[in-house]
Amino acid sequence: VTAYLKDKYNVKYLKYGPNKNKVKYVLNIISNIFRCI
């Protein structure tokens, strides 16, 4: 849904992490925190 934004805006993407897989979800949160920093 957000892929088109890169063609129109100055955008940085973070990982999307649906919480169906709890381990992957937690790893994505940790990764996103470091990317935000």
Full PDB file with SEQRES, HELIX, SHEET, SSBOND, CRYST1, ORIGX, SCALE, CONECT and MASTER records, all heavy atoms in Angstrom:
SEQRES   1 A   37  VAL THR ALA TYR LEU LYS ASP LYS TYR ASN VAL LYS TYR          
SEQRES   2 A   37  LEU LYS TYR GLY PRO ASN LYS ASN LYS VAL LYS TYR VAL          
SEQRES   3 A   37  LEU ASN ILE ILE SER ASN ILE PHE ARG CYS ILE                  
HELIX    1 AA1 ALA A    3  ASP A    7  5                                   5    
HELIX    2 AA2 LYS A   22  CYS A   36  1                                  15    
CRYST1    1.000    1.000    1.000  90.00  90.00  90.00 P 1           1          
ORIGX1      1.000000  0.000000  0.000000        0.00000                         
ORIGX2      0.000000  1.000000  0.000000        0.00000                         
ORIGX3      0.000000  0.000000  1.000000        0.00000                         
SCALE1      1.000000  0.000000  0.000000        0.00000                         
SCALE2      0.000000  1.000000  0.000000        0.00000                         
SCALE3      0.000000  0.000000  1.000000        0.00000                         
ATOM      1  N   VAL A   1       0.820  -1.211   0.000  1.00  0.00           N  
ATOM      2  CA  VAL A   1       0.000   0.000   0.000  1.00  0.00           C  
ATOM      3  C   VAL A   1       0.858   1.267   0.000  1.00  0.00           C  
ATOM      4  O   VAL A   1       0.450   2.289  -0.529  1.00  0.00           O  
ATOM      5  CB  VAL A   1      -0.957  -0.013   1.216  1.00  0.00           C  
ATOM      6  CG1 VAL A   1      -1.750   1.264   1.332  1.00  0.00           C  
ATOM      7  CG2 VAL A   1      -1.890  -1.214   1.148  1.00  0.00           C  
ATOM      8  N   THR A   2       2.045   1.201   0.586  1.00  0.00           N  
ATOM      9  CA  THR A   2       2.891   2.401   0.691  1.00  0.00           C  
ATOM     10  C   THR A   2       3.998   2.460  -0.363  1.00  0.00           C  
ATOM     11  O   THR A   2       4.736   3.441  -0.420  1.00  0.00           O  
ATOM     12  CB  THR A   2       3.542   2.500   2.091  1.00  0.00           C  
ATOM     13  OG1 THR A   2       4.381   1.357   2.294  1.00  0.00           O  
ATOM     14  CG2 THR A   2       2.493   2.599   3.177  1.00  0.00           C  
ATOM     15  N   ALA A   3       4.119   1.448  -1.196  1.00  0.00           N  
ATOM     16  CA  ALA A   3       5.215   1.386  -2.172  1.00  0.00           C  
ATOM     17  C   ALA A   3       5.240   2.592  -3.109  1.00  0.00           C  
ATOM     18  O   ALA A   3       6.314   3.079  -3.482  1.00  0.00           O  
ATOM     19  CB  ALA A   3       5.125   0.096  -2.980  1.00  0.00           C  
ATOM     20  N   TYR A   4       4.089   3.119  -3.485  1.00  0.00           N  
ATOM     21  CA  TYR A   4       4.024   4.247  -4.418  1.00  0.00           C  
ATOM     22  C   TYR A   4       4.599   5.538  -3.841  1.00  0.00           C  
ATOM     23  O   TYR A   4       4.948   6.463  -4.577  1.00  0.00           O  
ATOM     24  CB  TYR A   4       2.566   4.498  -4.851  1.00  0.00           C  
ATOM     25  CG  TYR A   4       1.762   5.256  -3.833  1.00  0.00           C  
ATOM     26  CD1 TYR A   4       1.631   6.645  -3.929  1.00  0.00           C  
ATOM     27  CD2 TYR A   4       1.165   4.620  -2.750  1.00  0.00           C  
ATOM     28  CE1 TYR A   4       0.906   7.355  -2.979  1.00  0.00           C  
ATOM     29  CE2 TYR A   4       0.443   5.329  -1.815  1.00  0.00           C  
ATOM     30  CZ  TYR A   4       0.319   6.695  -1.925  1.00  0.00           C  
ATOM     31  OH  TYR A   4      -0.378   7.398  -0.990  1.00  0.00           O  
ATOM     32  N   LEU A   5       4.712   5.625  -2.539  1.00  0.00           N  
ATOM     33  CA  LEU A   5       5.154   6.863  -1.897  1.00  0.00           C  
ATOM     34  C   LEU A   5       6.563   7.273  -2.324  1.00  0.00           C  
ATOM     35  O   LEU A   5       6.871   8.460  -2.418  1.00  0.00           O  
ATOM     36  CB  LEU A   5       5.102   6.731  -0.373  1.00  0.00           C  
ATOM     37  CG  LEU A   5       3.722   6.522   0.241  1.00  0.00           C  
ATOM     38  CD1 LEU A   5       3.843   6.249   1.736  1.00  0.00           C  
ATOM     39  CD2 LEU A   5       2.817   7.707  -0.017  1.00  0.00           C  
ATOM     40  N   LYS A   6       7.415   6.294  -2.600  1.00  0.00           N  
ATOM     41  CA  LYS A   6       8.803   6.599  -2.967  1.00  0.00           C  
ATOM     42  C   LYS A   6       8.905   7.394  -4.262  1.00  0.00           C  
ATOM     43  O   LYS A   6       9.876   8.102  -4.484  1.00  0.00           O  
ATOM     44  CB  LYS A   6       9.639   5.331  -3.037  1.00  0.00           C  
ATOM     45  CG  LYS A   6       9.301   4.408  -4.196  1.00  0.00           C  
ATOM     46  CD  LYS A   6      10.144   3.147  -4.157  1.00  0.00           C  
ATOM     47  CE  LYS A   6       9.820   2.177  -5.235  1.00  0.00           C  
ATOM     48  NZ  LYS A   6       8.447   1.710  -5.295  1.00  0.00           N  
ATOM     49  N   ASP A   7       7.884   7.307  -5.107  1.00  0.00           N  
ATOM     50  CA  ASP A   7       7.888   8.048  -6.371  1.00  0.00           C  
ATOM     51  C   ASP A   7       7.436   9.491  -6.206  1.00  0.00           C  
ATOM     52  O   ASP A   7       7.644  10.310  -7.093  1.00  0.00           O  
ATOM     53  CB  ASP A   7       6.977   7.350  -7.392  1.00  0.00           C  
ATOM     54  CG  ASP A   7       7.445   5.942  -7.706  1.00  0.00           C  
ATOM     55  OD1 ASP A   7       8.671   5.704  -7.708  1.00  0.00           O  
ATOM     56  OD2 ASP A   7       6.592   5.077  -7.950  1.00  0.00           O  
ATOM     57  N   LYS A   8       6.833   9.807  -5.080  1.00  0.00           N  
ATOM     58  CA  LYS A   8       6.254  11.130  -4.891  1.00  0.00           C  
ATOM     59  C   LYS A   8       6.858  11.924  -3.733  1.00  0.00           C  
ATOM     60  O   LYS A   8       6.831  13.150  -3.745  1.00  0.00           O  
ATOM     61  CB  LYS A   8       4.744  10.971  -4.687  1.00  0.00           C  
ATOM     62  CG  LYS A   8       3.977  12.262  -4.693  1.00  0.00           C  
ATOM     63  CD  LYS A   8       2.484  12.035  -4.675  1.00  0.00           C  
ATOM     64  CE  LYS A   8       1.754  13.361  -4.691  1.00  0.00           C  
ATOM     65  NZ  LYS A   8       0.325  13.235  -4.603  1.00  0.00           N  
ATOM     66  N   TYR A   9       7.403  11.229  -2.735  1.00  0.00           N  
ATOM     67  CA  TYR A   9       7.852  11.887  -1.513  1.00  0.00           C  
ATOM     68  C   TYR A   9       9.280  11.478  -1.149  1.00  0.00           C  
ATOM     69  O   TYR A   9       9.773  10.449  -1.602  1.00  0.00           O  
ATOM     70  CB  TYR A   9       6.938  11.514  -0.337  1.00  0.00           C  
ATOM     71  CG  TYR A   9       5.494  11.827  -0.558  1.00  0.00           C  
ATOM     72  CD1 TYR A   9       4.581  10.827  -0.855  1.00  0.00           C  
ATOM     73  CD2 TYR A   9       5.020  13.132  -0.463  1.00  0.00           C  
ATOM     74  CE1 TYR A   9       3.233  11.111  -1.059  1.00  0.00           C  
ATOM     75  CE2 TYR A   9       3.680  13.429  -0.664  1.00  0.00           C  
ATOM     76  CZ  TYR A   9       2.794  12.413  -0.963  1.00  0.00           C  
ATOM     77  OH  TYR A   9       1.469  12.692  -1.167  1.00  0.00           O  
ATOM     78  N   ASN A  10       9.874  12.262  -0.280  1.00  0.00           N  
ATOM     79  CA  ASN A  10      11.136  11.898   0.350  1.00  0.00           C  
ATOM     80  C   ASN A  10      10.773  10.965   1.497  1.00  0.00           C  
ATOM     81  O   ASN A  10      10.276  11.418   2.530  1.00  0.00           O  
ATOM     82  CB  ASN A  10      11.846  13.164   0.850  1.00  0.00           C  
ATOM     83  CG  ASN A  10      13.188  12.854   1.454  1.00  0.00           C  
ATOM     84  OD1 ASN A  10      13.812  11.846   1.144  1.00  0.00           O  
ATOM     85  ND2 ASN A  10      13.637  13.723   2.356  1.00  0.00           N  
ATOM     86  N   VAL A  11      10.970   9.678   1.304  1.00  0.00           N  
ATOM     87  CA  VAL A  11      10.449   8.695   2.256  1.00  0.00           C  
ATOM     88  C   VAL A  11      11.513   7.682   2.660  1.00  0.00           C  
ATOM     89  O   VAL A  11      12.375   7.320   1.856  1.00  0.00           O  
ATOM     90  CB  VAL A  11       9.197   7.970   1.676  1.00  0.00           C  
ATOM     91  CG1 VAL A  11       9.520   7.174   0.451  1.00  0.00           C  
ATOM     92  CG2 VAL A  11       8.511   7.108   2.703  1.00  0.00           C  
ATOM     93  N   LYS A  12      11.446   7.259   3.913  1.00  0.00           N  
ATOM     94  CA  LYS A  12      12.242   6.145   4.424  1.00  0.00           C  
ATOM     95  C   LYS A  12      11.259   5.103   4.924  1.00  0.00           C  
ATOM     96  O   LYS A  12      10.280   5.422   5.594  1.00  0.00           O  
ATOM     97  CB  LYS A  12      13.133   6.575   5.599  1.00  0.00           C  
ATOM     98  CG  LYS A  12      14.261   7.485   5.211  1.00  0.00           C  
ATOM     99  CD  LYS A  12      15.377   6.714   4.562  1.00  0.00           C  
ATOM    100  CE  LYS A  12      16.549   7.660   4.307  1.00  0.00           C  
ATOM    101  NZ  LYS A  12      17.577   7.051   3.524  1.00  0.00           N  
ATOM    102  N   TYR A  13      11.555   3.866   4.589  1.00  0.00           N  
ATOM    103  CA  TYR A  13      10.667   2.771   4.981  1.00  0.00           C  
ATOM    104  C   TYR A  13      11.246   1.966   6.137  1.00  0.00           C  
ATOM    105  O   TYR A  13      12.452   1.736   6.199  1.00  0.00           O  
ATOM    106  CB  TYR A  13      10.442   1.821   3.809  1.00  0.00           C  
ATOM    107  CG  TYR A  13       9.619   2.390   2.698  1.00  0.00           C  
ATOM    108  CD1 TYR A  13      10.200   2.760   1.488  1.00  0.00           C  
ATOM    109  CD2 TYR A  13       8.253   2.562   2.843  1.00  0.00           C  
ATOM    110  CE1 TYR A  13       9.437   3.278   0.457  1.00  0.00           C  
ATOM    111  CE2 TYR A  13       7.477   3.075   1.817  1.00  0.00           C  
ATOM    112  CZ  TYR A  13       8.083   3.431   0.623  1.00  0.00           C  
ATOM    113  OH  TYR A  13       7.323   3.933  -0.391  1.00  0.00           O  
ATOM    114  N   LEU A  14      10.358   1.539   7.003  1.00  0.00           N  
ATOM    115  CA  LEU A  14      10.693   0.606   8.064  1.00  0.00           C  
ATOM    116  C   LEU A  14      10.006  -0.717   7.764  1.00  0.00           C  
ATOM    117  O   LEU A  14       9.118  -0.784   6.918  1.00  0.00           O  
ATOM    118  CB  LEU A  14      10.239   1.154   9.418  1.00  0.00           C  
ATOM    119  CG  LEU A  14      10.859   2.501   9.811  1.00  0.00           C  
ATOM    120  CD1 LEU A  14      10.247   3.003  11.108  1.00  0.00           C  
ATOM    121  CD2 LEU A  14      12.356   2.392   9.933  1.00  0.00           C  
ATOM    122  N   LYS A  15      10.418  -1.758   8.467  1.00  0.00           N  
ATOM    123  CA  LYS A  15       9.837  -3.085   8.236  1.00  0.00           C  
ATOM    124  C   LYS A  15       8.405  -3.133   8.743  1.00  0.00           C  
ATOM    125  O   LYS A  15       8.091  -2.628   9.816  1.00  0.00           O  
ATOM    126  CB  LYS A  15      10.648  -4.155   8.952  1.00  0.00           C  
ATOM    127  CG  LYS A  15      12.006  -4.384   8.357  1.00  0.00           C  
ATOM    128  CD  LYS A  15      12.712  -5.490   9.103  1.00  0.00           C  
ATOM    129  CE  LYS A  15      14.091  -5.721   8.503  1.00  0.00           C  
ATOM    130  NZ  LYS A  15      14.779  -6.807   9.213  1.00  0.00           N  
ATOM    131  N   TYR A  16       7.566  -3.766   7.940  1.00  0.00           N  
ATOM    132  CA  TYR A  16       6.194  -4.020   8.372  1.00  0.00           C  
ATOM    133  C   TYR A  16       6.195  -5.360   9.090  1.00  0.00           C  
ATOM    134  O   TYR A  16       6.753  -6.334   8.593  1.00  0.00           O  
ATOM    135  CB  TYR A  16       5.256  -4.061   7.171  1.00  0.00           C  
ATOM    136  CG  TYR A  16       3.849  -4.471   7.526  1.00  0.00           C  
ATOM    137  CD1 TYR A  16       3.040  -3.630   8.274  1.00  0.00           C  
ATOM    138  CD2 TYR A  16       3.337  -5.697   7.127  1.00  0.00           C  
ATOM    139  CE1 TYR A  16       1.742  -3.998   8.614  1.00  0.00           C  
ATOM    140  CE2 TYR A  16       2.036  -6.067   7.451  1.00  0.00           C  
ATOM    141  CZ  TYR A  16       1.256  -5.217   8.192  1.00  0.00           C  
ATOM    142  OH  TYR A  16      -0.012  -5.586   8.533  1.00  0.00           O  
ATOM    143  N   GLY A  17       5.592  -5.414  10.246  1.00  0.00           N  
ATOM    144  CA  GLY A  17       5.615  -6.646  11.019  1.00  0.00           C  
ATOM    145  C   GLY A  17       4.282  -7.032  11.584  1.00  0.00           C  
ATOM    146  O   GLY A  17       3.977  -6.671  12.714  1.00  0.00           O  
ATOM    147  N   PRO A  18       3.464  -7.728  10.805  1.00  0.00           N  
ATOM    148  CA  PRO A  18       2.203  -8.199  11.382  1.00  0.00           C  
ATOM    149  C   PRO A  18       2.506  -9.130  12.552  1.00  0.00           C  
ATOM    150  O   PRO A  18       3.514  -9.826  12.553  1.00  0.00           O  
ATOM    151  CB  PRO A  18       1.535  -8.944  10.225  1.00  0.00           C  
ATOM    152  CG  PRO A  18       2.621  -9.281   9.284  1.00  0.00           C  
ATOM    153  CD  PRO A  18       3.692  -8.249   9.470  1.00  0.00           C  
ATOM    154  N   ASN A  19       1.649  -9.110  13.546  1.00  0.00           N  
ATOM    155  CA  ASN A  19       1.950  -9.842  14.778  1.00  0.00           C  
ATOM    156  C   ASN A  19       1.465 -11.291  14.788  1.00  0.00           C  
ATOM    157  O   ASN A  19       1.281 -11.871  15.844  1.00  0.00           O  
ATOM    158  CB  ASN A  19       1.432  -9.082  15.999  1.00  0.00           C  
ATOM    159  CG  ASN A  19      -0.062  -8.871  15.963  1.00  0.00           C  
ATOM    160  OD1 ASN A  19      -0.757  -9.415  15.110  1.00  0.00           O  
ATOM    161  ND2 ASN A  19      -0.562  -8.078  16.899  1.00  0.00           N  
ATOM    162  N   LYS A  20       1.286 -11.892  13.627  1.00  0.00           N  
ATOM    163  CA  LYS A  20       0.865 -13.296  13.565  1.00  0.00           C  
ATOM    164  C   LYS A  20       1.991 -14.212  14.042  1.00  0.00           C  
ATOM    165  O   LYS A  20       1.760 -15.191  14.721  1.00  0.00           O  
ATOM    166  CB  LYS A  20       0.439 -13.658  12.147  1.00  0.00           C  
ATOM    167  CG  LYS A  20      -0.830 -12.949  11.723  1.00  0.00           C  
ATOM    168  CD  LYS A  20      -1.169 -13.212  10.276  1.00  0.00           C  
ATOM    169  CE  LYS A  20      -2.357 -12.359   9.897  1.00  0.00           C  
ATOM    170  NZ  LYS A  20      -2.521 -12.182   8.486  1.00  0.00           N  
ATOM    171  N   ASN A  21       3.226 -13.908  13.657  1.00  0.00           N  
ATOM    172  CA  ASN A  21       4.387 -14.664  14.094  1.00  0.00           C  
ATOM    173  C   ASN A  21       5.084 -13.819  15.163  1.00  0.00           C  
ATOM    174  O   ASN A  21       5.752 -12.843  14.853  1.00  0.00           O  
ATOM    175  CB  ASN A  21       5.311 -14.933  12.903  1.00  0.00           C  
ATOM    176  CG  ASN A  21       6.553 -15.681  13.285  1.00  0.00           C  
ATOM    177  OD1 ASN A  21       7.090 -15.547  14.387  1.00  0.00           O  
ATOM    178  ND2 ASN A  21       7.056 -16.477  12.350  1.00  0.00           N  
ATOM    179  N   LYS A  22       4.922 -14.198  16.410  1.00  0.00           N  
ATOM    180  CA  LYS A  22       5.401 -13.377  17.539  1.00  0.00           C  
ATOM    181  C   LYS A  22       6.907 -13.148  17.508  1.00  0.00           C  
ATOM    182  O   LYS A  22       7.373 -12.054  17.809  1.00  0.00           O  
ATOM    183  CB  LYS A  22       5.006 -14.011  18.875  1.00  0.00           C  
ATOM    184  CG  LYS A  22       3.519 -14.137  19.079  1.00  0.00           C  
ATOM    185  CD  LYS A  22       2.839 -12.798  19.146  1.00  0.00           C  
ATOM    186  CE  LYS A  22       1.356 -12.972  19.416  1.00  0.00           C  
ATOM    187  NZ  LYS A  22       0.571 -11.814  19.164  1.00  0.00           N  
ATOM    188  N   VAL A  23       7.686 -14.157  17.152  1.00  0.00           N  
ATOM    189  CA  VAL A  23       9.143 -14.006  17.120  1.00  0.00           C  
ATOM    190  C   VAL A  23       9.536 -13.001  16.045  1.00  0.00           C  
ATOM    191  O   VAL A  23      10.324 -12.078  16.298  1.00  0.00           O  
ATOM    192  CB  VAL A  23       9.841 -15.369  16.891  1.00  0.00           C  
ATOM    193  CG1 VAL A  23      11.336 -15.195  16.675  1.00  0.00           C  
ATOM    194  CG2 VAL A  23       9.571 -16.307  18.062  1.00  0.00           C  
ATOM    195  N   LYS A  24       8.994 -13.160  14.852  1.00  0.00           N  
ATOM    196  CA  LYS A  24       9.302 -12.227  13.759  1.00  0.00           C  
ATOM    197  C   LYS A  24       8.841 -10.811  14.125  1.00  0.00           C  
ATOM    198  O   LYS A  24       9.517  -9.832  13.828  1.00  0.00           O  
ATOM    199  CB  LYS A  24       8.625 -12.690  12.470  1.00  0.00           C  
ATOM    200  CG  LYS A  24       9.006 -11.870  11.271  1.00  0.00           C  
ATOM    201  CD  LYS A  24       8.406 -12.427   9.990  1.00  0.00           C  
ATOM    202  CE  LYS A  24       8.829 -11.576   8.811  1.00  0.00           C  
ATOM    203  NZ  LYS A  24       8.263 -12.050   7.565  1.00  0.00           N  
ATOM    204  N   TYR A  25       7.708 -10.706  14.780  1.00  0.00           N  
ATOM    205  CA  TYR A  25       7.167  -9.414  15.197  1.00  0.00           C  
ATOM    206  C   TYR A  25       8.132  -8.695  16.142  1.00  0.00           C  
ATOM    207  O   TYR A  25       8.448  -7.525  15.957  1.00  0.00           O  
ATOM    208  CB  TYR A  25       5.803  -9.631  15.855  1.00  0.00           C  
ATOM    209  CG  TYR A  25       5.126  -8.382  16.344  1.00  0.00           C  
ATOM    210  CD1 TYR A  25       4.658  -7.427  15.459  1.00  0.00           C  
ATOM    211  CD2 TYR A  25       4.937  -8.154  17.701  1.00  0.00           C  
ATOM    212  CE1 TYR A  25       4.017  -6.269  15.901  1.00  0.00           C  
ATOM    213  CE2 TYR A  25       4.296  -7.013  18.156  1.00  0.00           C  
ATOM    214  CZ  TYR A  25       3.847  -6.077  17.251  1.00  0.00           C  
ATOM    215  OH  TYR A  25       3.218  -4.943  17.702  1.00  0.00           O  
ATOM    216  N   VAL A  26       8.617  -9.410  17.147  1.00  0.00           N  
ATOM    217  CA  VAL A  26       9.555  -8.820  18.106  1.00  0.00           C  
ATOM    218  C   VAL A  26      10.855  -8.429  17.414  1.00  0.00           C  
ATOM    219  O   VAL A  26      11.405  -7.348  17.661  1.00  0.00           O  
ATOM    220  CB  VAL A  26       9.807  -9.779  19.291  1.00  0.00           C  
ATOM    221  CG1 VAL A  26      10.965  -9.304  20.153  1.00  0.00           C  
ATOM    222  CG2 VAL A  26       8.543  -9.940  20.124  1.00  0.00           C  
ATOM    223  N   LEU A  27      11.354  -9.281  16.532  1.00  0.00           N  
ATOM    224  CA  LEU A  27      12.592  -8.966  15.800  1.00  0.00           C  
ATOM    225  C   LEU A  27      12.405  -7.730  14.915  1.00  0.00           C  
ATOM    226  O   LEU A  27      13.309  -6.893  14.815  1.00  0.00           O  
ATOM    227  CB  LEU A  27      13.052 -10.166  14.973  1.00  0.00           C  
ATOM    228  CG  LEU A  27      13.538 -11.368  15.786  1.00  0.00           C  
ATOM    229  CD1 LEU A  27      13.848 -12.543  14.864  1.00  0.00           C  
ATOM    230  CD2 LEU A  27      14.743 -11.007  16.650  1.00  0.00           C  
ATOM    231  N   ASN A  28      11.235  -7.599  14.294  1.00  0.00           N  
ATOM    232  CA  ASN A  28      10.953  -6.411  13.481  1.00  0.00           C  
ATOM    233  C   ASN A  28      10.894  -5.152  14.340  1.00  0.00           C  
ATOM    234  O   ASN A  28      11.371  -4.095  13.929  1.00  0.00           O  
ATOM    235  CB  ASN A  28       9.647  -6.572  12.699  1.00  0.00           C  
ATOM    236  CG  ASN A  28       9.809  -7.406  11.459  1.00  0.00           C  
ATOM    237  OD1 ASN A  28      10.915  -7.641  10.986  1.00  0.00           O  
ATOM    238  ND2 ASN A  28       8.708  -7.876  10.924  1.00  0.00           N  
ATOM    239  N   ILE A  29      10.318  -5.251  15.519  1.00  0.00           N  
ATOM    240  CA  ILE A  29      10.266  -4.102  16.425  1.00  0.00           C  
ATOM    241  C   ILE A  29      11.681  -3.657  16.788  1.00  0.00           C  
ATOM    242  O   ILE A  29      12.014  -2.470  16.712  1.00  0.00           O  
ATOM    243  CB  ILE A  29       9.454  -4.426  17.703  1.00  0.00           C  
ATOM    244  CG1 ILE A  29       7.962  -4.479  17.372  1.00  0.00           C  
ATOM    245  CG2 ILE A  29       9.722  -3.399  18.807  1.00  0.00           C  
ATOM    246  CD1 ILE A  29       7.088  -4.928  18.526  1.00  0.00           C  
ATOM    247  N   ILE A  30      12.513  -4.602  17.161  1.00  0.00           N  
ATOM    248  CA  ILE A  30      13.894  -4.272  17.530  1.00  0.00           C  
ATOM    249  C   ILE A  30      14.621  -3.642  16.348  1.00  0.00           C  
ATOM    250  O   ILE A  30      15.288  -2.607  16.490  1.00  0.00           O  
ATOM    251  CB  ILE A  30      14.627  -5.529  18.048  1.00  0.00           C  
ATOM    252  CG1 ILE A  30      14.001  -5.977  19.376  1.00  0.00           C  
ATOM    253  CG2 ILE A  30      16.127  -5.259  18.201  1.00  0.00           C  
ATOM    254  CD1 ILE A  30      14.412  -7.370  19.826  1.00  0.00           C  
ATOM    255  N   SER A  31      14.478  -4.245  15.178  1.00  0.00           N  
ATOM    256  CA  SER A  31      15.103  -3.696  13.969  1.00  0.00           C  
ATOM    257  C   SER A  31      14.607  -2.281  13.690  1.00  0.00           C  
ATOM    258  O   SER A  31      15.401  -1.374  13.388  1.00  0.00           O  
ATOM    259  CB  SER A  31      14.797  -4.606  12.774  1.00  0.00           C  
ATOM    260  OG  SER A  31      15.234  -4.023  11.575  1.00  0.00           O  
ATOM    261  N   ASN A  32      13.299  -2.066  13.796  1.00  0.00           N  
ATOM    262  CA  ASN A  32      12.729  -0.747  13.516  1.00  0.00           C  
ATOM    263  C   ASN A  32      13.188   0.310  14.518  1.00  0.00           C  
ATOM    264  O   ASN A  32      13.399   1.465  14.139  1.00  0.00           O  
ATOM    265  CB  ASN A  32      11.204  -0.819  13.465  1.00  0.00           C  
ATOM    266  CG  ASN A  32      10.710  -1.378  12.149  1.00  0.00           C  
ATOM    267  OD1 ASN A  32      11.435  -1.417  11.161  1.00  0.00           O  
ATOM    268  ND2 ASN A  32       9.472  -1.820  12.138  1.00  0.00           N  
ATOM    269  N   ILE A  33      13.354  -0.074  15.761  1.00  0.00           N  
ATOM    270  CA  ILE A  33      13.849   0.887  16.749  1.00  0.00           C  
ATOM    271  C   ILE A  33      15.244   1.355  16.364  1.00  0.00           C  
ATOM    272  O   ILE A  33      15.541   2.557  16.364  1.00  0.00           O  
ATOM    273  CB  ILE A  33      13.816   0.286  18.172  1.00  0.00           C  
ATOM    274  CG1 ILE A  33      12.354   0.161  18.643  1.00  0.00           C  
ATOM    275  CG2 ILE A  33      14.638   1.138  19.146  1.00  0.00           C  
ATOM    276  CD1 ILE A  33      12.170  -0.626  19.925  1.00  0.00           C  
ATOM    277  N   PHE A  34      16.110   0.420  15.991  1.00  0.00           N  
ATOM    278  CA  PHE A  34      17.465   0.800  15.583  1.00  0.00           C  
ATOM    279  C   PHE A  34      17.455   1.617  14.291  1.00  0.00           C  
ATOM    280  O   PHE A  34      18.220   2.579  14.142  1.00  0.00           O  
ATOM    281  CB  PHE A  34      18.367  -0.427  15.451  1.00  0.00           C  
ATOM    282  CG  PHE A  34      18.854  -0.922  16.782  1.00  0.00           C  
ATOM    283  CD1 PHE A  34      18.308  -2.060  17.351  1.00  0.00           C  
ATOM    284  CD2 PHE A  34      19.841  -0.238  17.483  1.00  0.00           C  
ATOM    285  CE1 PHE A  34      18.739  -2.504  18.593  1.00  0.00           C  
ATOM    286  CE2 PHE A  34      20.280  -0.675  18.722  1.00  0.00           C  
ATOM    287  CZ  PHE A  34      19.724  -1.812  19.276  1.00  0.00           C  
ATOM    288  N   ARG A  35      16.574   1.272  13.375  1.00  0.00           N  
ATOM    289  CA  ARG A  35      16.464   2.055  12.133  1.00  0.00           C  
ATOM    290  C   ARG A  35      15.965   3.466  12.426  1.00  0.00           C  
ATOM    291  O   ARG A  35      16.428   4.432  11.829  1.00  0.00           O  
ATOM    292  CB  ARG A  35      15.551   1.333  11.145  1.00  0.00           C  
ATOM    293  CG  ARG A  35      16.180   0.037  10.631  1.00  0.00           C  
ATOM    294  CD  ARG A  35      15.266  -0.689   9.727  1.00  0.00           C  
ATOM    295  NE  ARG A  35      15.298   0.021   8.441  1.00  0.00           N  
ATOM    296  CZ  ARG A  35      15.053  -0.544   7.298  1.00  0.00           C  
ATOM    297  NH1 ARG A  35      14.765  -1.819   7.248  1.00  0.00           N  
ATOM    298  NH2 ARG A  35      15.093   0.152   6.192  1.00  0.00           N  
ATOM    299  N   CYS A  36      15.024   3.592  13.358  1.00  0.00           N  
ATOM    300  CA  CYS A  36      14.531   4.924  13.755  1.00  0.00           C  
ATOM    301  C   CYS A  36      15.654   5.767  14.354  1.00  0.00           C  
ATOM    302  O   CYS A  36      15.777   6.958  14.052  1.00  0.00           O  
ATOM    303  CB  CYS A  36      13.383   4.804  14.753  1.00  0.00           C  
ATOM    304  SG  CYS A  36      11.825   4.229  14.051  1.00  0.00           S  
ATOM    305  N   ILE A  37      16.462   5.143  15.194  1.00  0.00           N  
ATOM    306  CA  ILE A  37      17.600   5.865  15.773  1.00  0.00           C  
ATOM    307  C   ILE A  37      18.513   6.373  14.659  1.00  0.00           C  
ATOM    308  O   ILE A  37      18.932   7.535  14.661  1.00  0.00           O  
ATOM    309  CB  ILE A  37      18.379   4.967  16.765  1.00  0.00           C  
ATOM    310  CG1 ILE A  37      17.522   4.684  18.002  1.00  0.00           C  
ATOM    311  CG2 ILE A  37      19.721   5.610  17.152  1.00  0.00           C  
ATOM    312  CD1 ILE A  37      18.082   3.590  18.908  1.00  0.00           C  
TER     313      ILE A  37                                                      
MASTER        0    0    0    2    0    0    0    6  312    1    0    3          
END                                                                             
